[in-house]
Amino acid sequence: MAELKVTRKVSPGSPGSLKEQLRYRDKLLAVRYLADGQGRYVKTAEIVIYDRQG
């Protein structure tokens, strides 16, 4: 299996992140698209799990 490389990174609210923004709301930090050059594509969502204040 070839290594996955980031082909695109989008911020919340940008085209390509709208479905994830509806699902994760304000916890969404970024959406990344990855590819390995052999036809495998992966979409990941970076979300906040825990946020400690003070």
C-alpha atoms as a PDB file:
ATOM      1  CA  MET A   1       0.000   0.000   0.000  1.00  0.00           C
ATOM      2  CA  ALA A   2       1.386   3.409  -1.012  1.00  0.00           C
ATOM      3  CA  GLU A   3       1.688   6.338   1.367  1.00  0.00           C
ATOM      4  CA  LEU A   4      -1.213   8.782   1.457  1.00  0.00           C
ATOM      5  CA  LYS A   5      -0.365  12.419   0.733  1.00  0.00           C
ATOM      6  CA  VAL A   6      -2.501  15.474   1.457  1.00  0.00           C
ATOM      7  CA  THR A   7      -3.848  16.847  -1.812  1.00  0.00           C
ATOM      8  CA  ARG A   8      -6.151  19.504  -0.366  1.00  0.00           C
ATOM      9  CA  LYS A   9      -6.946  21.076   3.029  1.00  0.00           C
ATOM     10  CA  VAL A  10     -10.066  23.188   3.514  1.00  0.00           C
ATOM     11  CA  SER A  11     -11.386  25.262   6.395  1.00  0.00           C
ATOM     12  CA  PRO A  12     -14.888  24.956   7.867  1.00  0.00           C
ATOM     13  CA  GLY A  13     -17.460  26.648   5.635  1.00  0.00           C
ATOM     14  CA  SER A  14     -15.387  26.283   2.472  1.00  0.00           C
ATOM     15  CA  PRO A  15     -16.565  24.170  -0.464  1.00  0.00           C
ATOM     16  CA  GLY A  16     -15.592  20.601   0.301  1.00  0.00           C
ATOM     17  CA  SER A  17     -16.314  20.855   4.029  1.00  0.00           C
ATOM     18  CA  LEU A  18     -20.034  21.618   4.117  1.00  0.00           C
ATOM     19  CA  LYS A  19     -21.284  18.109   4.975  1.00  0.00           C
ATOM     20  CA  GLU A  20     -18.733  17.790   7.762  1.00  0.00           C
ATOM     21  CA  GLN A  21     -19.623  21.239   9.106  1.00  0.00           C
ATOM     22  CA  LEU A  22     -23.274  20.213   9.325  1.00  0.00           C
ATOM     23  CA  ARG A  23     -22.276  17.075  11.220  1.00  0.00           C
ATOM     24  CA  TYR A  24     -19.580  18.436  13.573  1.00  0.00           C
ATOM     25  CA  ARG A  25     -20.648  22.121  13.745  1.00  0.00           C
ATOM     26  CA  ASP A  26     -18.226  24.335  15.719  1.00  0.00           C
ATOM     27  CA  LYS A  27     -15.984  21.369  16.603  1.00  0.00           C
ATOM     28  CA  LEU A  28     -14.694  21.097  13.014  1.00  0.00           C
ATOM     29  CA  LEU A  29     -11.170  22.469  12.495  1.00  0.00           C
ATOM     30  CA  ALA A  30     -10.272  21.234   8.997  1.00  0.00           C
ATOM     31  CA  VAL A  31     -11.088  18.739   6.278  1.00  0.00           C
ATOM     32  CA  ARG A  32      -8.240  17.044   4.424  1.00  0.00           C
ATOM     33  CA  TYR A  33      -8.288  15.120   1.177  1.00  0.00           C
ATOM     34  CA  LEU A  34      -5.575  12.487   0.736  1.00  0.00           C
ATOM     35  CA  ALA A  35      -4.532  10.307  -2.201  1.00  0.00           C
ATOM     36  CA  ASP A  36      -1.939   7.609  -2.773  1.00  0.00           C
ATOM     37  CA  GLY A  37      -1.490   7.971  -6.537  1.00  0.00           C
ATOM     38  CA  GLN A  38      -2.913   4.491  -7.181  1.00  0.00           C
ATOM     39  CA  GLY A  39      -6.605   5.357  -7.118  1.00  0.00           C
ATOM     40  CA  ARG A  40      -7.156   5.406  -3.350  1.00  0.00           C
ATOM     41  CA  TYR A  41      -8.741   8.593  -1.977  1.00  0.00           C
ATOM     42  CA  VAL A  42      -9.509   9.402   1.661  1.00  0.00           C
ATOM     43  CA  LYS A  43     -11.315  12.362   3.243  1.00  0.00           C
ATOM     44  CA  THR A  44     -10.568  13.117   6.906  1.00  0.00           C
ATOM     45  CA  ALA A  45     -12.093  15.556   9.374  1.00  0.00           C
ATOM     46  CA  GLU A  46     -10.082  17.161  12.172  1.00  0.00           C
ATOM     47  CA  ILE A  47     -12.396  17.812  15.122  1.00  0.00           C
ATOM     48  CA  VAL A  48     -12.072  19.066  18.678  1.00  0.00           C
ATOM     49  CA  ILE A  49     -12.716  16.295  21.203  1.00  0.00           C
ATOM     50  CA  TYR A  50     -11.821  18.162  24.371  1.00  0.00           C
ATOM     51  CA  ASP A  51     -11.403  21.894  25.063  1.00  0.00           C
ATOM     52  CA  ARG A  52     -10.260  22.919  28.514  1.00  0.00           C
ATOM     53  CA  GLN A  53     -10.629  26.525  29.610  1.00  0.00           C
ATOM     54  CA  GLY A  54      -8.569  28.128  32.353  1.00  0.00           C
END
